[in-house]
Amino acid sequence: MALVFMVLTFATFVGFGLTLGGVFEDTEGFMGLVNLIQMPIFFLSGAMWSFPDFIKA
C-alpha cells in the first residue's frame, strides 16, 4: 500500500512540474516560480533555525 502511495505521489508531482514547465517559455520564469513555492516552505520548515516552543504547538 505504501508503494502505491509513493508511486501516485511521484506521478502527481511529475505531472504538476511538467504542466507548469509547459506554461513557461524560458527557464528563468520557471525557476522563479519554483523559488516562489520552495523558499517559504524552506524557511518555515525550521531547517535554518528552530522556532520557539509556542509556535511549534
C-alpha atoms as a PDB file:
ATOM      1  CA  MET A   1       0.000   0.000   0.000  1.00  0.00           C
ATOM      2  CA  ALA A   2       2.854   2.387   0.811  1.00  0.00           C
ATOM      3  CA  LEU A   3       4.482   1.659  -2.531  1.00  0.00           C
ATOM      4  CA  VAL A   4       1.267   2.527  -4.370  1.00  0.00           C
ATOM      5  CA  PHE A   5       1.043   5.797  -2.424  1.00  0.00           C
ATOM      6  CA  MET A   6       4.663   6.642  -3.258  1.00  0.00           C
ATOM      7  CA  VAL A   7       4.145   5.968  -6.973  1.00  0.00           C
ATOM      8  CA  LEU A   8       0.951   8.049  -7.053  1.00  0.00           C
ATOM      9  CA  THR A   9       2.670  10.909  -5.214  1.00  0.00           C
ATOM     10  CA  PHE A  10       5.602  10.721  -7.607  1.00  0.00           C
ATOM     11  CA  ALA A  11       3.330  10.764 -10.652  1.00  0.00           C
ATOM     12  CA  THR A  12       1.349  13.696  -9.258  1.00  0.00           C
ATOM     13  CA  PHE A  13       4.409  15.860  -8.657  1.00  0.00           C
ATOM     14  CA  VAL A  14       5.942  14.952 -12.018  1.00  0.00           C
ATOM     15  CA  GLY A  15       2.699  15.847 -13.761  1.00  0.00           C
ATOM     16  CA  PHE A  16       2.460  19.098 -11.822  1.00  0.00           C
ATOM     17  CA  GLY A  17       6.033  20.018 -12.751  1.00  0.00           C
ATOM     18  CA  LEU A  18       5.567  19.156 -16.414  1.00  0.00           C
ATOM     19  CA  THR A  19       2.345  21.151 -16.575  1.00  0.00           C
ATOM     20  CA  LEU A  20       3.957  24.215 -15.032  1.00  0.00           C
ATOM     21  CA  GLY A  21       7.059  23.759 -17.157  1.00  0.00           C
ATOM     22  CA  GLY A  22       4.958  23.748 -20.297  1.00  0.00           C
ATOM     23  CA  VAL A  23       3.411  27.101 -19.401  1.00  0.00           C
ATOM     24  CA  PHE A  24       6.718  28.958 -19.244  1.00  0.00           C
ATOM     25  CA  GLU A  25       8.744  29.559 -22.364  1.00  0.00           C
ATOM     26  CA  ASP A  26      12.066  30.178 -20.627  1.00  0.00           C
ATOM     27  CA  THR A  27      13.900  28.512 -17.776  1.00  0.00           C
ATOM     28  CA  GLU A  28      14.223  31.701 -15.741  1.00  0.00           C
ATOM     29  CA  GLY A  29      10.476  32.108 -15.414  1.00  0.00           C
ATOM     30  CA  PHE A  30      10.014  28.526 -14.267  1.00  0.00           C
ATOM     31  CA  MET A  31      12.852  28.773 -11.756  1.00  0.00           C
ATOM     32  CA  GLY A  32      11.298  31.967 -10.387  1.00  0.00           C
ATOM     33  CA  LEU A  33       8.073  30.074  -9.737  1.00  0.00           C
ATOM     34  CA  VAL A  34       9.980  27.208  -8.130  1.00  0.00           C
ATOM     35  CA  ASN A  35      11.718  29.667  -5.794  1.00  0.00           C
ATOM     36  CA  LEU A  36       8.388  31.327  -5.020  1.00  0.00           C
ATOM     37  CA  ILE A  37       6.993  27.978  -3.870  1.00  0.00           C
ATOM     38  CA  GLN A  38      10.120  26.461  -2.350  1.00  0.00           C
ATOM     39  CA  MET A  39      11.591  29.315  -0.292  1.00  0.00           C
ATOM     40  CA  PRO A  40       8.657  29.835   2.118  1.00  0.00           C
ATOM     41  CA  ILE A  41       8.473  26.085   2.682  1.00  0.00           C
ATOM     42  CA  PHE A  42      12.220  26.001   3.371  1.00  0.00           C
ATOM     43  CA  PHE A  43      12.113  28.874   5.856  1.00  0.00           C
ATOM     44  CA  LEU A  44       9.021  27.592   7.655  1.00  0.00           C
ATOM     45  CA  SER A  45      10.432  24.057   7.942  1.00  0.00           C
ATOM     46  CA  GLY A  46      12.898  25.055  10.646  1.00  0.00           C
ATOM     47  CA  ALA A  47      15.933  23.995   8.639  1.00  0.00           C
ATOM     48  CA  MET A  48      17.600  27.379   9.178  1.00  0.00           C
ATOM     49  CA  TRP A  49      16.688  27.920  12.839  1.00  0.00           C
ATOM     50  CA  SER A  50      14.415  26.446  15.463  1.00  0.00           C
ATOM     51  CA  PHE A  51      11.156  28.142  16.329  1.00  0.00           C
ATOM     52  CA  PRO A  52      10.187  28.977  19.915  1.00  0.00           C
ATOM     53  CA  ASP A  53       8.067  26.421  21.714  1.00  0.00           C
ATOM     54  CA  PHE A  54       4.842  28.397  21.428  1.00  0.00           C
ATOM     55  CA  ILE A  55       4.973  28.299  17.616  1.00  0.00           C
ATOM     56  CA  LYS A  56       5.565  24.541  17.410  1.00  0.00           C
ATOM     57  CA  ALA A  57       2.195  23.823  19.077  1.00  0.00           C
END
